C-alpha atoms as a PDB file:
ATOM      1  CA  UNK A   1      76.592 156.972  94.968  1.00  0.00           C
ATOM      2  CA  UNK A   2      75.608 154.416  92.343  1.00  0.00           C
ATOM      3  CA  UNK A   3      78.317 152.105  93.616  1.00  0.00           C
ATOM      4  CA  UNK A   4      76.984 152.128  97.215  1.00  0.00           C
ATOM      5  CA  UNK A   5      74.143 149.719  96.521  1.00  0.00           C
ATOM      6  CA  UNK A   6      76.437 147.439  94.509  1.00  0.00           C
ATOM      7  CA  UNK A   7      78.582 146.916  97.588  1.00  0.00           C
ATOM      8  CA  UNK A   8      75.492 145.416  99.254  1.00  0.00           C
ATOM      9  CA  UNK A   9      75.424 142.663  96.615  1.00  0.00           C
ATOM     10  CA  UNK A  10      78.548 141.250  98.213  1.00  0.00           C
ATOM     11  CA  UNK A  11      76.416 140.615 101.302  1.00  0.00           C
ATOM     12  CA  UNK A  12      73.755 138.582  99.455  1.00  0.00           C
ATOM     13  CA  UNK A  13      75.175 135.171 100.433  1.00  0.00           C
ATOM     14  CA  UNK A  14      75.188 136.339 104.056  1.00  0.00           C
ATOM     15  CA  UNK A  15      71.602 137.608 103.756  1.00  0.00           C
ATOM     16  CA  UNK A  16      70.408 134.389 102.110  1.00  0.00           C
ATOM     17  CA  UNK A  17      72.190 132.375 104.769  1.00  0.00           C
ATOM     18  CA  UNK A  18      70.493 134.310 107.559  1.00  0.00           C
ATOM     19  CA  UNK A  19      67.096 133.798 105.910  1.00  0.00           C
ATOM     20  CA  UNK A  20      67.803 130.092 105.657  1.00  0.00           C
ATOM     21  CA  UNK A  21      68.591 130.058 109.354  1.00  0.00           C
ATOM     22  CA  UNK A  22      65.367 131.905 110.068  1.00  0.00           C
ATOM     23  CA  UNK A  23      63.362 129.353 108.104  1.00  0.00           C
ATOM     24  CA  UNK A  24      65.117 126.499 109.894  1.00  0.00           C
ATOM     25  CA  UNK A  25      64.566 128.199 113.243  1.00  0.00           C
ATOM     26  CA  UNK A  26      60.878 128.715 112.492  1.00  0.00           C
ATOM     27  CA  UNK A  27      60.501 125.067 111.512  1.00  0.00           C
ATOM     28  CA  UNK A  28      62.437 123.995 114.597  1.00  0.00           C
ATOM     29  CA  UNK A  29      60.342 126.261 116.806  1.00  0.00           C
ATOM     30  CA  UNK A  30      57.146 124.876 115.293  1.00  0.00           C
ATOM     31  CA  UNK A  31      58.309 121.307 115.920  1.00  0.00           C
ATOM     32  CA  UNK A  32      59.346 122.148 119.483  1.00  0.00           C
ATOM     33  CA  UNK A  33      56.016 123.840 120.233  1.00  0.00           C
ATOM     34  CA  UNK A  34      54.065 120.841 118.998  1.00  0.00           C
ATOM     35  CA  UNK A  35      56.368 118.533 120.971  1.00  0.00           C
ATOM     36  CA  UNK A  36      55.860 120.598 124.129  1.00  0.00           C
ATOM     37  CA  UNK A  37      52.083 120.495 123.635  1.00  0.00           C
ATOM     38  CA  UNK A  38      52.213 116.728 123.179  1.00  0.00           C
ATOM     39  CA  UNK A  39      54.356 116.250 126.307  1.00  0.00           C
ATOM     40  CA  UNK A  40      52.000 118.434 128.345  1.00  0.00           C
ATOM     41  CA  UNK A  41      49.011 116.361 127.270  1.00  0.00           C
ATOM     42  CA  UNK A  42      50.940 113.225 128.218  1.00  0.00           C
ATOM     43  CA  UNK A  43      51.648 114.801 131.619  1.00  0.00           C
ATOM     44  CA  UNK A  44      47.898 115.079 132.155  1.00  0.00           C
ATOM     45  CA  UNK A  45      47.497 111.478 131.043  1.00  0.00           C
ATOM     46  CA  UNK A  46      50.125 110.405 133.582  1.00  0.00           C
ATOM     47  CA  UNK A  47      48.413 112.423 136.312  1.00  0.00           C
ATOM     48  CA  UNK A  48      44.995 110.913 135.545  1.00  0.00           C
ATOM     49  CA  UNK A  49      46.179 107.284 135.656  1.00  0.00           C
ATOM     50  CA  UNK A  50      45.668 106.879 139.412  1.00  0.00           C
ATOM     51  CA  UNK A  51      42.372 108.807 139.498  1.00  0.00           C
ATOM     52  CA  UNK A  52      44.080 110.917 142.159  1.00  0.00           C
ATOM     53  CA  UNK A  53      45.712 114.030 140.816  1.00  0.00           C
ATOM     54  CA  UNK A  54      48.556 115.616 142.721  1.00  0.00           C
ATOM     55  CA  UNK A  55      48.340 119.131 141.321  1.00  0.00           C
ATOM     56  CA  UNK A  56      51.704 120.171 142.732  1.00  0.00           C
ATOM     57  CA  UNK A  57      53.396 117.363 140.819  1.00  0.00           C
ATOM     58  CA  UNK A  58      51.355 117.998 137.681  1.00  0.00           C
ATOM     59  CA  UNK A  59      52.321 121.679 137.512  1.00  0.00           C
ATOM     60  CA  UNK A  60      55.958 120.631 137.859  1.00  0.00           C
ATOM     61  CA  UNK A  61      55.538 118.323 134.838  1.00  0.00           C
ATOM     62  CA  UNK A  62      53.943 120.969 132.621  1.00  0.00           C
ATOM     63  CA  UNK A  63      56.375 122.847 130.388  1.00  0.00           C
ATOM     64  CA  UNK A  64      56.055 126.205 128.689  1.00  0.00           C
ATOM     65  CA  UNK A  65      59.697 127.113 128.027  1.00  0.00           C
ATOM     66  CA  UNK A  66      59.321 126.756 124.261  1.00  0.00           C
ATOM     67  CA  UNK A  67      56.201 128.920 124.212  1.00  0.00           C
ATOM     68  CA  UNK A  68      57.966 131.602 126.266  1.00  0.00           C
ATOM     69  CA  UNK A  69      60.986 131.528 123.951  1.00  0.00           C
ATOM     70  CA  UNK A  70      58.781 131.639 120.862  1.00  0.00           C
ATOM     71  CA  UNK A  71      56.937 134.649 122.255  1.00  0.00           C
ATOM     72  CA  UNK A  72      60.241 136.338 123.078  1.00  0.00           C
ATOM     73  CA  UNK A  73      61.467 135.657 119.525  1.00  0.00           C
ATOM     74  CA  UNK A  74      58.165 136.963 118.111  1.00  0.00           C
ATOM     75  CA  UNK A  75      57.438 133.614 116.487  1.00  0.00           C
ATOM     76  CA  UNK A  76      54.400 133.653 114.209  1.00  0.00           C
ATOM     77  CA  UNK A  77      52.163 131.006 115.785  1.00  0.00           C
ATOM     78  CA  UNK A  78      49.927 131.217 112.725  1.00  0.00           C
ATOM     79  CA  UNK A  79      52.668 129.331 110.857  1.00  0.00           C
ATOM     80  CA  UNK A  80      51.545 126.261 112.813  1.00  0.00           C
ATOM     81  CA  UNK A  81      47.919 126.688 111.804  1.00  0.00           C
ATOM     82  CA  UNK A  82      46.208 129.634 110.143  1.00  0.00           C
ATOM     83  CA  UNK A  83      42.634 130.660 110.641  1.00  0.00           C
ATOM     84  CA  UNK A  84      40.309 130.702 113.589  1.00  0.00           C
ATOM     85  CA  UNK A  85      38.588 128.055 115.622  1.00  0.00           C
ATOM     86  CA  UNK A  86      35.231 127.196 114.145  1.00  0.00           C
ATOM     87  CA  UNK A  87      32.401 124.906 115.247  1.00  0.00           C
ATOM     88  CA  UNK A  88      33.889 121.920 113.410  1.00  0.00           C
ATOM     89  CA  UNK A  89      37.076 122.156 115.528  1.00  0.00           C
ATOM     90  CA  UNK A  90      35.143 121.999 118.799  1.00  0.00           C
ATOM     91  CA  UNK A  91      34.560 118.473 120.083  1.00  0.00           C
ATOM     92  CA  UNK A  92      33.689 119.492 123.646  1.00  0.00           C
ATOM     93  CA  UNK A  93      30.838 121.980 124.229  1.00  0.00           C
ATOM     94  CA  UNK A  94      32.798 123.651 127.036  1.00  0.00           C
ATOM     95  CA  UNK A  95      35.250 124.945 124.414  1.00  0.00           C
ATOM     96  CA  UNK A  96      32.533 126.855 122.526  1.00  0.00           C
ATOM     97  CA  UNK A  97      33.647 130.047 124.237  1.00  0.00           C
ATOM     98  CA  UNK A  98      36.853 129.869 122.181  1.00  0.00           C
ATOM     99  CA  UNK A  99      35.089 130.220 118.823  1.00  0.00           C
ATOM    100  CA  UNK A 100      36.973 132.760 116.738  1.00  0.00           C
ATOM    101  CA  UNK A 101      40.233 132.403 118.667  1.00  0.00           C
ATOM    102  CA  UNK A 102      43.380 131.454 116.796  1.00  0.00           C
ATOM    103  CA  UNK A 103      46.497 129.356 117.312  1.00  0.00           C
ATOM    104  CA  UNK A 104      48.441 132.308 118.686  1.00  0.00           C
ATOM    105  CA  UNK A 105      45.794 133.123 121.281  1.00  0.00           C
ATOM    106  CA  UNK A 106      45.616 129.508 122.459  1.00  0.00           C
ATOM    107  CA  UNK A 107      49.384 129.102 122.821  1.00  0.00           C
ATOM    108  CA  UNK A 108      49.683 132.396 124.687  1.00  0.00           C
ATOM    109  CA  UNK A 109      46.731 131.616 126.933  1.00  0.00           C
ATOM    110  CA  UNK A 110      48.119 128.155 127.765  1.00  0.00           C
ATOM    111  CA  UNK A 111      51.488 129.733 128.584  1.00  0.00           C
ATOM    112  CA  UNK A 112      49.893 132.324 130.848  1.00  0.00           C
ATOM    113  CA  UNK A 113      47.764 129.741 132.662  1.00  0.00           C
ATOM    114  CA  UNK A 114      50.764 127.502 133.353  1.00  0.00           C
ATOM    115  CA  UNK A 115      52.613 130.539 134.731  1.00  0.00           C
ATOM    116  CA  UNK A 116      49.605 131.540 136.828  1.00  0.00           C
ATOM    117  CA  UNK A 117      49.349 128.071 138.382  1.00  0.00           C
ATOM    118  CA  UNK A 118      53.083 128.063 139.119  1.00  0.00           C
ATOM    119  CA  UNK A 119      52.802 131.457 140.827  1.00  0.00           C
ATOM    120  CA  UNK A 120      49.886 130.230 142.918  1.00  0.00           C
ATOM    121  CA  UNK A 121      51.937 127.218 143.999  1.00  0.00           C
ATOM    122  CA  UNK A 122      54.980 129.372 144.764  1.00  0.00           C
ATOM    123  CA  UNK A 123      52.924 131.831 146.779  1.00  0.00           C
ATOM    124  CA  UNK A 124      50.917 129.305 148.779  1.00  0.00           C
ATOM    125  CA  UNK A 125      53.512 126.531 148.963  1.00  0.00           C
ATOM    126  CA  UNK A 126      51.040 124.018 147.598  1.00  0.00           C
ATOM    127  CA  UNK A 127      48.069 124.102 145.272  1.00  0.00           C
ATOM    128  CA  UNK A 128      46.059 121.798 147.535  1.00  0.00           C
ATOM    129  CA  UNK A 129      45.689 124.304 150.351  1.00  0.00           C
ATOM    130  CA  UNK A 130      44.291 127.211 148.346  1.00  0.00           C
ATOM    131  CA  UNK A 131      40.782 128.135 149.451  1.00  0.00           C
ATOM    132  CA  UNK A 132      38.179 129.817 147.246  1.00  0.00           C
ATOM    133  CA  UNK A 133      40.110 128.814 144.136  1.00  0.00           C
ATOM    134  CA  UNK A 134      38.903 125.838 142.190  1.00  0.00           C
ATOM    135  CA  UNK A 135      42.287 124.370 141.227  1.00  0.00           C
ATOM    136  CA  UNK A 136      40.612 121.292 139.783  1.00  0.00           C
ATOM    137  CA  UNK A 137      38.608 123.475 137.386  1.00  0.00           C
ATOM    138  CA  UNK A 138      41.669 125.542 136.464  1.00  0.00           C
ATOM    139  CA  UNK A 139      43.614 122.414 135.496  1.00  0.00           C
ATOM    140  CA  UNK A 140      40.601 121.005 133.697  1.00  0.00           C
ATOM    141  CA  UNK A 141      40.236 124.208 131.670  1.00  0.00           C
ATOM    142  CA  UNK A 142      43.945 124.139 130.859  1.00  0.00           C
ATOM    143  CA  UNK A 143      43.707 120.542 129.667  1.00  0.00           C
ATOM    144  CA  UNK A 144      40.690 121.293 127.472  1.00  0.00           C
ATOM    145  CA  UNK A 145      42.484 124.280 125.916  1.00  0.00           C
ATOM    146  CA  UNK A 146      45.418 122.011 125.081  1.00  0.00           C
ATOM    147  CA  UNK A 147      43.027 119.435 123.663  1.00  0.00           C
ATOM    148  CA  UNK A 148      41.284 122.095 121.572  1.00  0.00           C
ATOM    149  CA  UNK A 149      44.619 123.383 120.277  1.00  0.00           C
ATOM    150  CA  UNK A 150      45.562 119.848 119.272  1.00  0.00           C
ATOM    151  CA  UNK A 151      42.236 119.344 117.492  1.00  0.00           C
ATOM    152  CA  UNK A 152      42.601 122.714 115.775  1.00  0.00           C
ATOM    153  CA  UNK A 153      46.128 121.946 114.558  1.00  0.00           C
ATOM    154  CA  UNK A 154      45.057 118.578 113.196  1.00  0.00           C
END
């Protein structure tokens, strides 16, 4: 019986190696999440250049694959930034309702909103023809959440 635990010692290099991979994966995931956030903000910038926003094209530009994968892998979003949003993180008064939220909540909420907008487009064929749904406001809110997340991370 005493020798059983000693046999586990032989597996230490394998265990250490797997932990190293986990650390690398977490760092890679963090970098990919920040990159995806940056690209999504740039997508909004591209859409705003003409002062005419084609929401169908914008939703096609927005990505959330990394967020979905991170959620599936149970990535700890707090490793990007710990703590909660406070008044000094909020540059736009409309984001005051997010006081007390954290990095994890913002990433998950952004992911869910992108998915919701995609489903609306898929269901209706286009986002421009949806009545009684303020698509402009939905995209605006999404952008301001991304902006807040960026300000919080910085």
